[in-house]
């Protein structure tokens, strides 16, 4: 089974979605300015994956243990 960050993009079919820590400084700059940035805090968005080709943002739906 593929890991969360190894999924292909459901929108454009890019071969790998990137986690926040895998993004370059320029990519992070762009991600911070995408429209979904208004719906989630930056801390929340750092748990999402992003497509570096079309900038699709996938939200991690994995339950978090408290």
PDB file of N, CA and C in Angstrom:
ATOM      1  N   UNK A   1       0.839  -1.182   0.000  1.00  0.00           N
ATOM      2  CA  UNK A   1       0.000   0.000   0.000  1.00  0.00           C
ATOM      3  C   UNK A   1       0.884   1.246   0.000  1.00  0.00           C
ATOM      4  N   UNK A   2       0.522   2.231  -0.783  1.00  0.00           N
ATOM      5  CA  UNK A   2       1.323   3.444  -0.856  1.00  0.00           C
ATOM      6  C   UNK A   2       1.092   4.305   0.371  1.00  0.00           C
ATOM      7  N   UNK A   3       2.141   5.018   0.797  1.00  0.00           N
ATOM      8  CA  UNK A   3       2.025   5.970   1.882  1.00  0.00           C
ATOM      9  C   UNK A   3       1.290   7.209   1.402  1.00  0.00           C
ATOM     10  N   UNK A   4       0.895   8.048   2.337  1.00  0.00           N
ATOM     11  CA  UNK A   4       0.122   9.247   2.016  1.00  0.00           C
ATOM     12  C   UNK A   4       0.834  10.118   1.003  1.00  0.00           C
ATOM     13  N   UNK A   5       2.130  10.322   1.171  1.00  0.00           N
ATOM     14  CA  UNK A   5       2.858  11.215   0.273  1.00  0.00           C
ATOM     15  C   UNK A   5       3.275  10.544  -1.032  1.00  0.00           C
ATOM     16  N   UNK A   6       2.985   9.255  -1.217  1.00  0.00           N
ATOM     17  CA  UNK A   6       3.360   8.551  -2.429  1.00  0.00           C
ATOM     18  C   UNK A   6       2.185   8.427  -3.396  1.00  0.00           C
ATOM     19  N   UNK A   7       1.059   9.001  -3.074  1.00  0.00           N
ATOM     20  CA  UNK A   7      -0.108   8.945  -3.940  1.00  0.00           C
ATOM     21  C   UNK A   7       0.102   9.804  -5.176  1.00  0.00           C
ATOM     22  N   UNK A   8      -0.557   9.395  -6.249  1.00  0.00           N
ATOM     23  CA  UNK A   8      -0.557  10.238  -7.437  1.00  0.00           C
ATOM     24  C   UNK A   8      -1.645  11.297  -7.273  1.00  0.00           C
ATOM     25  N   UNK A   9      -1.477  12.393  -7.934  1.00  0.00           N
ATOM     26  CA  UNK A   9      -2.440  13.490  -7.844  1.00  0.00           C
ATOM     27  C   UNK A   9      -3.753  13.072  -8.504  1.00  0.00           C
ATOM     28  N   UNK A  10      -4.879  13.188  -7.790  1.00  0.00           N
ATOM     29  CA  UNK A  10      -6.171  12.815  -8.387  1.00  0.00           C
ATOM     30  C   UNK A  10      -6.628  13.791  -9.470  1.00  0.00           C
ATOM     31  N   UNK A  11      -6.065  14.982  -9.489  1.00  0.00           N
ATOM     32  CA  UNK A  11      -6.478  15.984 -10.471  1.00  0.00           C
ATOM     33  C   UNK A  11      -5.689  15.865 -11.777  1.00  0.00           C
ATOM     34  N   UNK A  12      -4.354  15.816 -11.692  1.00  0.00           N
ATOM     35  CA  UNK A  12      -3.548  15.844 -12.923  1.00  0.00           C
ATOM     36  C   UNK A  12      -2.744  14.568 -13.169  1.00  0.00           C
ATOM     37  N   UNK A  13      -2.687  13.662 -12.191  1.00  0.00           N
ATOM     38  CA  UNK A  13      -1.972  12.405 -12.372  1.00  0.00           C
ATOM     39  C   UNK A  13      -0.473  12.481 -12.153  1.00  0.00           C
ATOM     40  N   UNK A  14       0.018  13.593 -11.580  1.00  0.00           N
ATOM     41  CA  UNK A  14       1.455  13.703 -11.282  1.00  0.00           C
ATOM     42  C   UNK A  14       1.866  12.507 -10.435  1.00  0.00           C
ATOM     43  N   UNK A  15       3.085  12.092 -10.582  1.00  0.00           N
ATOM     44  CA  UNK A  15       3.527  10.845  -9.964  1.00  0.00           C
ATOM     45  C   UNK A  15       3.704  10.895  -8.452  1.00  0.00           C
ATOM     46  N   UNK A  16       3.844  12.078  -7.859  1.00  0.00           N
ATOM     47  CA  UNK A  16       4.046  12.122  -6.410  1.00  0.00           C
ATOM     48  C   UNK A  16       3.521  13.421  -5.816  1.00  0.00           C
ATOM     49  N   UNK A  17       2.727  13.274  -4.768  1.00  0.00           N
ATOM     50  CA  UNK A  17       2.291  14.415  -3.981  1.00  0.00           C
ATOM     51  C   UNK A  17       3.418  14.698  -2.983  1.00  0.00           C
ATOM     52  N   UNK A  18       3.599  15.965  -2.608  1.00  0.00           N
ATOM     53  CA  UNK A  18       4.663  16.327  -1.672  1.00  0.00           C
ATOM     54  C   UNK A  18       4.086  16.766  -0.334  1.00  0.00           C
ATOM     55  N   UNK A  19       4.728  16.312   0.741  1.00  0.00           N
ATOM     56  CA  UNK A  19       4.382  16.806   2.073  1.00  0.00           C
ATOM     57  C   UNK A  19       5.063  18.150   2.260  1.00  0.00           C
ATOM     58  N   UNK A  20       4.633  18.901   3.273  1.00  0.00           N
ATOM     59  CA  UNK A  20       5.152  20.247   3.525  1.00  0.00           C
ATOM     60  C   UNK A  20       6.677  20.253   3.586  1.00  0.00           C
ATOM     61  N   UNK A  21       7.257  19.312   4.311  1.00  0.00           N
ATOM     62  CA  UNK A  21       8.716  19.313   4.490  1.00  0.00           C
ATOM     63  C   UNK A  21       9.469  18.962   3.214  1.00  0.00           C
ATOM     64  N   UNK A  22       8.779  18.437   2.205  1.00  0.00           N
ATOM     65  CA  UNK A  22       9.411  18.115   0.930  1.00  0.00           C
ATOM     66  C   UNK A  22       9.375  19.290  -0.057  1.00  0.00           C
ATOM     67  N   UNK A  23       8.567  20.297   0.230  1.00  0.00           N
ATOM     68  CA  UNK A  23       8.455  21.451  -0.658  1.00  0.00           C
ATOM     69  C   UNK A  23       9.689  22.343  -0.558  1.00  0.00           C
ATOM     70  N   UNK A  24      10.061  22.948  -1.675  1.00  0.00           N
ATOM     71  CA  UNK A  24      11.154  23.928  -1.655  1.00  0.00           C
ATOM     72  C   UNK A  24      10.628  25.231  -1.056  1.00  0.00           C
ATOM     73  N   UNK A  25      11.498  26.162  -0.780  1.00  0.00           N
ATOM     74  CA  UNK A  25      11.088  27.455  -0.252  1.00  0.00           C
ATOM     75  C   UNK A  25      10.126  28.175  -1.185  1.00  0.00           C
ATOM     76  N   UNK A  26      10.387  28.118  -2.489  1.00  0.00           N
ATOM     77  CA  UNK A  26       9.501  28.752  -3.472  1.00  0.00           C
ATOM     78  C   UNK A  26       8.136  28.076  -3.512  1.00  0.00           C
ATOM     79  N   UNK A  27       8.128  26.739  -3.428  1.00  0.00           N
ATOM     80  CA  UNK A  27       6.857  26.007  -3.422  1.00  0.00           C
ATOM     81  C   UNK A  27       6.039  26.345  -2.180  1.00  0.00           C
ATOM     82  N   UNK A  28       6.691  26.438  -1.039  1.00  0.00           N
ATOM     83  CA  UNK A  28       5.983  26.816   0.196  1.00  0.00           C
ATOM     84  C   UNK A  28       5.390  28.209   0.075  1.00  0.00           C
ATOM     85  N   UNK A  29       6.133  29.129  -0.521  1.00  0.00           N
ATOM     86  CA  UNK A  29       5.652  30.488  -0.737  1.00  0.00           C
ATOM     87  C   UNK A  29       4.351  30.463  -1.536  1.00  0.00           C
ATOM     88  N   UNK A  30       4.316  29.671  -2.608  1.00  0.00           N
ATOM     89  CA  UNK A  30       3.117  29.556  -3.433  1.00  0.00           C
ATOM     90  C   UNK A  30       1.973  28.899  -2.673  1.00  0.00           C
ATOM     91  N   UNK A  31       2.253  27.818  -1.960  1.00  0.00           N
ATOM     92  CA  UNK A  31       1.221  27.102  -1.213  1.00  0.00           C
ATOM     93  C   UNK A  31       0.567  28.007  -0.170  1.00  0.00           C
ATOM     94  N   UNK A  32       1.349  28.843   0.472  1.00  0.00           N
ATOM     95  CA  UNK A  32       0.803  29.738   1.490  1.00  0.00           C
ATOM     96  C   UNK A  32      -0.176  30.743   0.901  1.00  0.00           C
ATOM     97  N   UNK A  33      -0.136  30.950  -0.403  1.00  0.00           N
ATOM     98  CA  UNK A  33      -0.994  31.941  -1.048  1.00  0.00           C
ATOM     99  C   UNK A  33      -2.148  31.336  -1.844  1.00  0.00           C
ATOM    100  N   UNK A  34      -2.277  30.018  -1.825  1.00  0.00           N
ATOM    101  CA  UNK A  34      -3.379  29.361  -2.517  1.00  0.00           C
ATOM    102  C   UNK A  34      -4.696  29.624  -1.798  1.00  0.00           C
ATOM    103  N   UNK A  35      -5.822  29.611  -2.518  1.00  0.00           N
ATOM    104  CA  UNK A  35      -7.125  29.880  -1.889  1.00  0.00           C
ATOM    105  C   UNK A  35      -7.448  29.056  -0.635  1.00  0.00           C
ATOM    106  N   UNK A  36      -7.127  27.749  -0.550  1.00  0.00           N
ATOM    107  CA  UNK A  36      -7.459  27.009   0.681  1.00  0.00           C
ATOM    108  C   UNK A  36      -6.748  27.535   1.927  1.00  0.00           C
ATOM    109  N   UNK A  37      -5.759  28.413   1.744  1.00  0.00           N
ATOM    110  CA  UNK A  37      -5.030  28.938   2.903  1.00  0.00           C
ATOM    111  C   UNK A  37      -5.941  29.714   3.835  1.00  0.00           C
ATOM    112  N   UNK A  38      -7.086  30.164   3.337  1.00  0.00           N
ATOM    113  CA  UNK A  38      -8.040  30.885   4.178  1.00  0.00           C
ATOM    114  C   UNK A  38      -8.879  29.934   5.032  1.00  0.00           C
ATOM    115  N   UNK A  39      -8.984  28.675   4.611  1.00  0.00           N
ATOM    116  CA  UNK A  39      -9.820  27.699   5.297  1.00  0.00           C
ATOM    117  C   UNK A  39      -9.095  26.934   6.399  1.00  0.00           C
ATOM    118  N   UNK A  40      -7.765  26.915   6.351  1.00  0.00           N
ATOM    119  CA  UNK A  40      -6.973  26.146   7.308  1.00  0.00           C
ATOM    120  C   UNK A  40      -5.828  26.998   7.841  1.00  0.00           C
ATOM    121  N   UNK A  41      -5.459  26.762   9.082  1.00  0.00           N
ATOM    122  CA  UNK A  41      -4.283  27.444   9.634  1.00  0.00           C
ATOM    123  C   UNK A  41      -3.035  26.862   8.969  1.00  0.00           C
ATOM    124  N   UNK A  42      -1.935  27.575   9.062  1.00  0.00           N
ATOM    125  CA  UNK A  42      -0.684  27.080   8.485  1.00  0.00           C
ATOM    126  C   UNK A  42      -0.269  25.767   9.150  1.00  0.00           C
ATOM    127  N   UNK A  43      -0.467  25.668  10.459  1.00  0.00           N
ATOM    128  CA  UNK A  43      -0.123  24.426  11.172  1.00  0.00           C
ATOM    129  C   UNK A  43      -0.931  23.248  10.628  1.00  0.00           C
ATOM    130  N   UNK A  44      -2.208  23.469  10.350  1.00  0.00           N
ATOM    131  CA  UNK A  44      -3.062  22.415   9.788  1.00  0.00           C
ATOM    132  C   UNK A  44      -2.612  22.054   8.379  1.00  0.00           C
ATOM    133  N   UNK A  45      -2.296  23.051   7.572  1.00  0.00           N
ATOM    134  CA  UNK A  45      -1.906  22.806   6.182  1.00  0.00           C
ATOM    135  C   UNK A  45      -0.582  22.065   6.083  1.00  0.00           C
ATOM    136  N   UNK A  46       0.252  22.150   7.086  1.00  0.00           N
ATOM    137  CA  UNK A  46       1.524  21.425   7.067  1.00  0.00           C
ATOM    138  C   UNK A  46       1.309  19.922   7.145  1.00  0.00           C
ATOM    139  N   UNK A  47       0.084  19.485   7.455  1.00  0.00           N
ATOM    140  CA  UNK A  47      -0.247  18.052   7.479  1.00  0.00           C
ATOM    141  C   UNK A  47      -0.856  17.590   6.162  1.00  0.00           C
ATOM    142  N   UNK A  48      -1.036  18.505   5.226  1.00  0.00           N
ATOM    143  CA  UNK A  48      -1.614  18.178   3.929  1.00  0.00           C
ATOM    144  C   UNK A  48      -0.514  17.815   2.939  1.00  0.00           C
ATOM    145  N   UNK A  49      -0.922  17.271   1.795  1.00  0.00           N
ATOM    146  CA  UNK A  49       0.008  17.001   0.698  1.00  0.00           C
ATOM    147  C   UNK A  49      -0.381  17.873  -0.484  1.00  0.00           C
ATOM    148  N   UNK A  50       0.610  18.216  -1.288  1.00  0.00           N
ATOM    149  CA  UNK A  50       0.408  19.144  -2.398  1.00  0.00           C
ATOM    150  C   UNK A  50       0.990  18.572  -3.679  1.00  0.00           C
ATOM    151  N   UNK A  51       0.317  18.864  -4.781  1.00  0.00           N
ATOM    152  CA  UNK A  51       0.830  18.467  -6.082  1.00  0.00           C
ATOM    153  C   UNK A  51       1.670  19.621  -6.618  1.00  0.00           C
ATOM    154  N   UNK A  52       2.943  19.396  -6.901  1.00  0.00           N
ATOM    155  CA  UNK A  52       3.799  20.471  -7.405  1.00  0.00           C
ATOM    156  C   UNK A  52       3.524  20.834  -8.869  1.00  0.00           C
ATOM    157  N   UNK A  53       2.657  20.082  -9.538  1.00  0.00           N
ATOM    158  CA  UNK A  53       2.336  20.402 -10.928  1.00  0.00           C
ATOM    159  C   UNK A  53       1.092  21.289 -11.025  1.00  0.00           C
ATOM    160  N   UNK A  54      -0.014  20.902 -10.356  1.00  0.00           N
ATOM    161  CA  UNK A  54      -1.271  21.657 -10.489  1.00  0.00           C
ATOM    162  C   UNK A  54      -1.692  22.322  -9.171  1.00  0.00           C
ATOM    163  N   UNK A  55      -0.946  22.097  -8.097  1.00  0.00           N
ATOM    164  CA  UNK A  55      -1.175  22.678  -6.761  1.00  0.00           C
ATOM    165  C   UNK A  55      -2.457  22.197  -6.100  1.00  0.00           C
ATOM    166  N   UNK A  56      -2.916  20.988  -6.470  1.00  0.00           N
ATOM    167  CA  UNK A  56      -4.016  20.353  -5.757  1.00  0.00           C
ATOM    168  C   UNK A  56      -3.562  20.113  -4.327  1.00  0.00           C
ATOM    169  N   UNK A  57      -4.438  20.361  -3.377  1.00  0.00           N
ATOM    170  CA  UNK A  57      -4.113  20.161  -1.960  1.00  0.00           C
ATOM    171  C   UNK A  57      -4.967  19.029  -1.418  1.00  0.00           C
ATOM    172  N   UNK A  58      -4.314  17.975  -0.939  1.00  0.00           N
ATOM    173  CA  UNK A  58      -5.015  16.843  -0.372  1.00  0.00           C
ATOM    174  C   UNK A  58      -4.935  16.906   1.140  1.00  0.00           C
ATOM    175  N   UNK A  59      -6.097  16.792   1.767  1.00  0.00           N
ATOM    176  CA  UNK A  59      -6.190  16.886   3.220  1.00  0.00           C
ATOM    177  C   UNK A  59      -6.056  15.501   3.819  1.00  0.00           C
ATOM    178  N   UNK A  60      -5.165  15.366   4.787  1.00  0.00           N
ATOM    179  CA  UNK A  60      -4.969  14.091   5.474  1.00  0.00           C
ATOM    180  C   UNK A  60      -6.183  13.813   6.335  1.00  0.00           C
ATOM    181  N   UNK A  61      -6.901  12.737   6.027  1.00  0.00           N
ATOM    182  CA  UNK A  61      -8.096  12.365   6.777  1.00  0.00           C
ATOM    183  C   UNK A  61      -7.801  11.308   7.841  1.00  0.00           C
ATOM    184  N   UNK A  62      -6.511  11.033   8.094  1.00  0.00           N
ATOM    185  CA  UNK A  62      -6.139  10.051   9.094  1.00  0.00           C
ATOM    186  C   UNK A  62      -6.501  10.561  10.475  1.00  0.00           C
ATOM    187  N   UNK A  63      -7.236   9.779  11.276  1.00  0.00           N
ATOM    188  CA  UNK A  63      -7.592  10.235  12.614  1.00  0.00           C
ATOM    189  C   UNK A  63      -6.345  10.488  13.466  1.00  0.00           C
ATOM    190  N   UNK A  64      -6.361  11.560  14.222  1.00  0.00           N
ATOM    191  CA  UNK A  64      -5.255  11.923  15.106  1.00  0.00           C
ATOM    192  C   UNK A  64      -5.582  11.449  16.523  1.00  0.00           C
ATOM    193  N   UNK A  65      -4.649  10.779  17.160  1.00  0.00           N
ATOM    194  CA  UNK A  65      -4.863  10.358  18.544  1.00  0.00           C
ATOM    195  C   UNK A  65      -4.451  11.495  19.470  1.00  0.00           C
ATOM    196  N   UNK A  66      -5.225  11.681  20.493  1.00  0.00           N
ATOM    197  CA  UNK A  66      -4.968  12.781  21.426  1.00  0.00           C
ATOM    198  C   UNK A  66      -4.321  12.275  22.680  1.00  0.00           C
TER     199      UNK A  66
END
